[in-house]
Amino acid sequence: MPTDFSPESEYALKIGAYLARKNKAELYLLHLLELPIHLASAPVGELPEAFFFTKLAQQKIEELKEKPFLKGIKVHEIMEAGSIHIGVLNAIKDKGIDFVVMGSSGVAGLEEIFIGSNTEKVVRTATVPVLIVKNDIKELKVENFVYACDFSSDTFEAYKKAITFGDQLNSTIHLLFVNTPNNFNTSRAITDKIASFTKKLTPKNYTVNIYNELTIEDGILNFAKEINADLIGMSTHGRRGIAHFFNGSITEELSNHALRPVITFRI
């Protein structure tokens, strides 16, 4: 659970707490210290100024841990200086993290370069599923889960993770292929691809959907809106870039702009 003490990170923390309680899991609060430039390279606590920022962050973390929605959950804390995506990667490796939940403001314009990029870097580099939360929801009740995919063979492992996640939440999983003019496929070809996936692993409750749209992002967002989806899921190739189906950076763009929670699964 990366936190910068913003409202968005607290929205995500509520969902993290809900999932932790549901799965009897432990929570790790990760805060990356925002130190002035002249302190950024100094070890935390070495300089008086750095010590001040550390104590201030520690106080805020203690206040967070007292939130009623965290009652009964074992909460750990990680605090260090550096970038968010590196901090998340280190936590995954060092603490055996299975799942990341983080908030995103999803602002547009120049601010997105600085705020949105944190979410995008985590989505690109994390080796475990990442759930992005934007709004204040107390529980992750997912009746309708849209999973968008191109259903190529290299996405099957991510598909398995998505189906397992959706089935655990007793969701109806809406398998979605967005057909665009630039990457047009016949309905028969798409149907056969999806059938191959579902034959190997069949969701408990699911629908198959082919949606025609000018762009992948618009197709996913419009379809999710039409069925009033509770969650959007996608796969990412991580450091090697997003699958060609996703138009180069569609996973990161969608995680930053969709109002609904978005979950990504690493291929």
Protein backbone atom coordinates (compact mmCIF):
# COMPACT_ATOMS: atom_id res chain seq x y z
CA MET A 1 0.00 0.00 0.00
CA PRO A 2 1.98 3.05 -1.19
CA THR A 3 0.78 6.15 0.63
CA ASP A 4 1.56 9.85 0.25
CA PHE A 5 -1.18 10.73 2.79
CA SER A 6 -3.39 12.14 0.01
CA PRO A 7 -7.17 11.48 -0.09
CA GLU A 8 -6.63 9.12 -3.05
CA SER A 9 -4.11 7.01 -1.15
CA GLU A 10 -6.54 6.75 1.77
CA TYR A 11 -9.29 5.61 -0.62
CA ALA A 12 -6.91 2.86 -1.74
CA LEU A 13 -6.01 2.03 1.85
CA LYS A 14 -9.67 1.35 2.66
CA ILE A 15 -9.83 -1.16 -0.19
CA GLY A 16 -6.50 -2.66 0.86
CA ALA A 17 -7.88 -3.09 4.37
CA TYR A 18 -11.04 -4.72 3.00
CA LEU A 19 -9.02 -7.19 0.93
CA ALA A 20 -6.59 -7.89 3.78
CA ARG A 21 -9.44 -8.67 6.16
CA LYS A 22 -11.20 -10.83 3.56
CA ASN A 23 -8.04 -12.83 2.85
CA LYS A 24 -6.53 -12.78 6.36
CA ALA A 25 -3.54 -10.93 4.97
CA GLU A 26 -1.05 -8.47 6.43
CA LEU A 27 -0.72 -4.91 5.19
CA TYR A 28 2.48 -3.02 4.41
CA LEU A 29 2.25 0.76 4.36
CA LEU A 30 4.95 2.18 2.07
CA HIS A 31 5.86 5.84 2.21
CA LEU A 32 8.55 7.39 0.05
CA LEU A 33 9.97 10.46 1.76
CA GLU A 34 9.72 13.66 -0.26
CA LEU A 35 13.01 15.20 0.75
CA PRO A 36 14.40 18.47 -0.61
CA ILE A 37 16.92 17.97 -3.42
CA HIS A 38 19.98 18.62 -1.22
CA LEU A 39 18.85 15.85 1.15
CA ALA A 40 17.64 13.33 -1.39
CA SER A 41 20.99 11.57 -1.66
CA ALA A 42 21.69 11.56 2.07
CA PRO A 43 20.81 8.50 4.20
CA VAL A 44 17.54 8.96 6.07
CA GLY A 45 18.24 10.35 9.54
CA GLU A 46 21.82 11.43 8.78
CA LEU A 47 21.03 15.15 8.68
CA PRO A 48 18.80 17.11 11.09
CA GLU A 49 16.54 18.21 8.21
CA ALA A 50 16.14 14.63 7.01
CA PHE A 51 15.36 13.56 10.57
CA PHE A 52 12.62 16.20 10.73
CA PHE A 53 10.93 14.93 7.54
CA THR A 54 11.25 11.35 8.77
CA LYS A 55 9.58 12.15 12.10
CA LEU A 56 6.80 14.06 10.36
CA ALA A 57 6.08 11.12 8.05
CA GLN A 58 6.24 8.70 10.98
CA GLN A 59 3.62 10.76 12.81
CA LYS A 60 1.31 10.65 9.79
CA ILE A 61 1.78 6.89 9.45
CA GLU A 62 0.87 6.39 13.11
CA GLU A 63 -2.27 8.46 12.56
CA LEU A 64 -3.16 6.29 9.56
CA LYS A 65 -2.69 3.10 11.56
CA GLU A 66 -5.32 4.35 14.02
CA LYS A 67 -8.01 4.55 11.35
CA PRO A 68 -11.08 2.47 12.34
CA PHE A 69 -11.07 0.53 9.05
CA LEU A 70 -7.62 -0.90 9.92
CA LYS A 71 -8.73 -2.31 13.27
CA GLY A 72 -7.76 -5.97 13.66
CA ILE A 73 -5.37 -5.98 10.70
CA LYS A 74 -1.64 -6.46 11.18
CA VAL A 75 -0.04 -3.38 9.67
CA HIS A 76 3.69 -2.98 8.94
CA GLU A 77 5.42 0.14 7.70
CA ILE A 78 8.20 0.83 5.24
CA MET A 79 9.70 4.28 4.92
CA GLU A 80 12.55 5.28 2.66
CA ALA A 81 13.70 7.99 0.28
CA GLY A 82 13.41 7.41 -3.45
CA SER A 83 10.91 6.87 -6.23
CA ILE A 84 7.61 5.07 -5.70
CA HIS A 85 8.05 2.36 -8.31
CA ILE A 86 11.50 1.41 -6.98
CA GLY A 87 10.10 1.35 -3.44
CA VAL A 88 7.25 -0.91 -4.54
CA LEU A 89 9.63 -3.25 -6.39
CA ASN A 90 11.92 -3.49 -3.35
CA ALA A 91 8.96 -4.22 -1.06
CA ILE A 92 7.67 -6.95 -3.38
CA LYS A 93 11.08 -8.60 -3.36
CA ASP A 94 12.06 -8.08 0.28
CA LYS A 95 8.68 -8.62 1.97
CA GLY A 96 7.13 -11.19 -0.35
CA ILE A 97 4.28 -8.89 -1.34
CA ASP A 98 1.50 -10.63 -3.30
CA PHE A 99 -0.68 -7.67 -4.25
CA VAL A 100 -0.38 -3.89 -4.58
CA VAL A 101 -3.22 -1.41 -4.04
CA MET A 102 -2.60 2.25 -4.74
CA GLY A 103 -4.51 5.46 -5.29
CA SER A 104 -4.32 7.66 -8.34
CA SER A 105 -5.59 11.16 -8.92
CA GLY A 106 -5.75 10.67 -12.69
CA VAL A 107 -5.45 14.38 -13.37
CA ALA A 108 -5.00 15.67 -16.88
CA GLY A 109 -2.57 18.10 -18.41
CA LEU A 110 0.90 18.94 -17.12
CA GLU A 111 0.12 17.68 -13.61
CA GLU A 112 -0.33 14.19 -15.03
CA ILE A 113 3.34 14.12 -15.97
CA PHE A 114 4.24 14.29 -12.30
CA ILE A 115 1.30 12.64 -10.54
CA GLY A 116 0.04 10.14 -13.08
CA SER A 117 3.54 8.94 -13.90
CA ASN A 118 3.87 7.37 -10.44
CA THR A 119 0.91 5.10 -11.12
CA GLU A 120 2.12 4.32 -14.61
CA LYS A 121 5.62 3.37 -13.45
CA VAL A 122 4.26 1.03 -10.80
CA VAL A 123 1.88 -0.58 -13.31
CA ARG A 124 4.73 -1.06 -15.80
CA THR A 125 7.27 -2.49 -13.39
CA ALA A 126 5.41 -4.36 -10.63
CA THR A 127 5.68 -8.14 -10.85
CA VAL A 128 2.40 -8.73 -8.99
CA PRO A 129 -1.18 -7.57 -9.69
CA VAL A 130 -1.75 -3.85 -9.12
CA LEU A 131 -5.16 -2.43 -8.21
CA ILE A 132 -5.64 1.30 -8.85
CA VAL A 133 -8.36 3.07 -6.84
CA LYS A 134 -9.59 6.60 -7.54
CA ASN A 135 -12.77 7.02 -5.52
CA ASP A 136 -13.90 6.55 -1.95
CA ILE A 137 -15.43 3.07 -1.87
CA LYS A 138 -15.50 1.07 1.37
CA GLU A 139 -15.71 -2.41 -0.13
CA LEU A 140 -14.60 -3.94 -3.40
CA LYS A 141 -17.87 -5.56 -4.41
CA VAL A 142 -17.32 -6.68 -7.97
CA GLU A 143 -20.48 -8.00 -9.53
CA ASN A 144 -19.37 -7.07 -13.06
CA PHE A 145 -15.67 -7.42 -13.90
CA VAL A 146 -14.53 -6.39 -17.39
CA TYR A 147 -11.36 -8.19 -18.48
CA ALA A 148 -9.99 -6.71 -21.70
CA CYS A 149 -7.48 -8.79 -23.60
CA ASP A 150 -6.27 -9.67 -27.10
CA PHE A 151 -6.32 -13.38 -26.12
CA SER A 152 -2.94 -14.08 -27.71
CA SER A 153 -1.03 -17.07 -26.30
CA ASP A 154 1.43 -14.98 -24.27
CA THR A 155 -1.40 -13.42 -22.25
CA PHE A 156 -2.75 -16.72 -20.91
CA GLU A 157 -0.91 -16.61 -17.57
CA ALA A 158 -2.24 -13.11 -16.93
CA TYR A 159 -5.69 -14.33 -17.95
CA LYS A 160 -5.44 -17.13 -15.35
CA LYS A 161 -4.64 -14.63 -12.61
CA ALA A 162 -7.53 -12.40 -13.66
CA ILE A 163 -10.02 -15.27 -13.72
CA THR A 164 -8.86 -16.53 -10.32
CA PHE A 165 -9.26 -13.03 -8.89
CA GLY A 166 -12.72 -12.57 -10.41
CA ASP A 167 -13.93 -16.00 -9.32
CA GLN A 168 -12.80 -15.35 -5.74
CA LEU A 169 -15.00 -12.25 -5.71
CA ASN A 170 -17.92 -14.19 -7.25
CA SER A 171 -17.95 -11.79 -10.19
CA THR A 172 -19.48 -12.14 -13.60
CA ILE A 173 -16.40 -11.79 -15.79
CA HIS A 174 -17.04 -9.99 -19.07
CA LEU A 175 -14.30 -11.08 -21.46
CA LEU A 176 -13.76 -8.22 -23.88
CA PHE A 177 -12.02 -7.86 -27.23
CA VAL A 178 -12.06 -4.35 -28.66
CA ASN A 179 -11.99 -4.41 -32.46
CA THR A 180 -10.46 -1.29 -34.02
CA PRO A 181 -9.96 -0.19 -37.65
CA ASN A 182 -6.19 -0.29 -37.23
CA ASN A 183 -6.22 -3.84 -35.89
CA PHE A 184 -9.35 -5.33 -37.38
CA ASN A 185 -10.23 -8.99 -36.83
CA THR A 186 -13.21 -10.96 -38.02
CA SER A 187 -15.80 -11.94 -35.45
CA ARG A 188 -15.10 -15.62 -36.16
CA ALA A 189 -11.37 -15.21 -35.54
CA ILE A 190 -11.97 -13.38 -32.26
CA THR A 191 -14.57 -15.89 -31.11
CA ASP A 192 -12.21 -18.79 -31.83
CA LYS A 193 -9.40 -17.10 -29.88
CA ILE A 194 -11.57 -16.56 -26.83
CA ALA A 195 -12.99 -20.08 -27.06
CA SER A 196 -9.44 -21.45 -26.93
CA PHE A 197 -8.80 -19.56 -23.68
CA THR A 198 -12.06 -20.51 -21.99
CA LYS A 199 -11.58 -24.15 -22.97
CA LYS A 200 -8.33 -24.25 -20.97
CA LEU A 201 -9.77 -22.31 -18.05
CA THR A 202 -13.46 -21.49 -17.76
CA PRO A 203 -14.63 -18.72 -15.41
CA LYS A 204 -17.52 -19.59 -13.09
CA ASN A 205 -19.72 -16.89 -14.60
CA TYR A 206 -18.74 -15.07 -17.76
CA THR A 207 -19.81 -13.44 -21.00
CA VAL A 208 -17.93 -13.02 -24.28
CA ASN A 209 -17.98 -9.59 -25.89
CA ILE A 210 -16.63 -8.07 -29.11
CA TYR A 211 -16.82 -4.27 -29.12
CA ASN A 212 -16.14 -2.11 -32.17
CA GLU A 213 -14.53 1.25 -31.46
CA LEU A 214 -11.98 3.66 -32.90
CA THR A 215 -9.49 3.14 -30.06
CA ILE A 216 -8.87 0.42 -27.49
CA GLU A 217 -9.15 2.82 -24.57
CA ASP A 218 -12.50 4.23 -25.73
CA GLY A 219 -13.80 0.74 -26.37
CA ILE A 220 -12.97 -0.46 -22.86
CA LEU A 221 -14.28 2.66 -21.15
CA ASN A 222 -17.50 2.76 -23.20
CA PHE A 223 -18.21 -0.93 -22.71
CA ALA A 224 -17.54 -0.67 -18.97
CA LYS A 225 -19.93 2.26 -18.77
CA GLU A 226 -22.67 0.46 -20.72
CA ILE A 227 -22.70 -2.53 -18.39
CA ASN A 228 -22.00 -0.42 -15.27
CA ALA A 229 -18.85 -2.39 -14.51
CA ASP A 230 -17.40 -2.38 -11.00
CA LEU A 231 -13.83 -3.15 -12.08
CA ILE A 232 -11.70 -3.14 -15.25
CA GLY A 233 -8.86 -5.63 -15.66
CA MET A 234 -6.01 -5.73 -18.18
CA SER A 235 -2.63 -7.37 -18.71
CA THR A 236 0.73 -5.66 -19.12
CA HIS A 237 4.07 -6.74 -20.54
CA GLY A 238 5.89 -4.62 -17.98
CA ARG A 239 9.32 -3.33 -18.92
CA ARG A 240 9.04 -4.68 -22.45
CA GLY A 241 6.11 -2.41 -23.13
CA ILE A 242 2.43 -3.17 -23.40
CA ALA A 243 1.12 -5.84 -25.77
CA HIS A 244 0.65 -4.51 -29.29
CA PHE A 245 -3.09 -4.90 -28.83
CA PHE A 246 -3.05 -2.18 -26.21
CA ASN A 247 -1.80 0.52 -28.57
CA GLY A 248 1.58 0.94 -26.89
CA SER A 249 0.56 2.35 -23.51
CA ILE A 250 -3.16 1.73 -23.14
CA THR A 251 -2.87 -0.03 -19.76
CA GLU A 252 -1.12 2.91 -18.14
CA GLU A 253 -3.41 5.43 -19.83
CA LEU A 254 -6.52 3.56 -18.76
CA SER A 255 -5.35 3.16 -15.17
CA ASN A 256 -4.90 6.90 -15.06
CA HIS A 257 -8.19 7.95 -16.65
CA ALA A 258 -10.83 5.34 -15.78
CA LEU A 259 -13.13 6.39 -12.96
CA ARG A 260 -13.67 2.76 -12.03
CA PRO A 261 -10.99 0.77 -10.20
CA VAL A 262 -8.49 -0.81 -12.60
CA ILE A 263 -6.44 -3.95 -11.94
CA THR A 264 -3.42 -4.98 -14.01
CA PHE A 265 -1.81 -8.41 -14.27
CA ARG A 266 1.78 -8.87 -15.35
CA ILE A 267 2.37 -11.15 -18.35
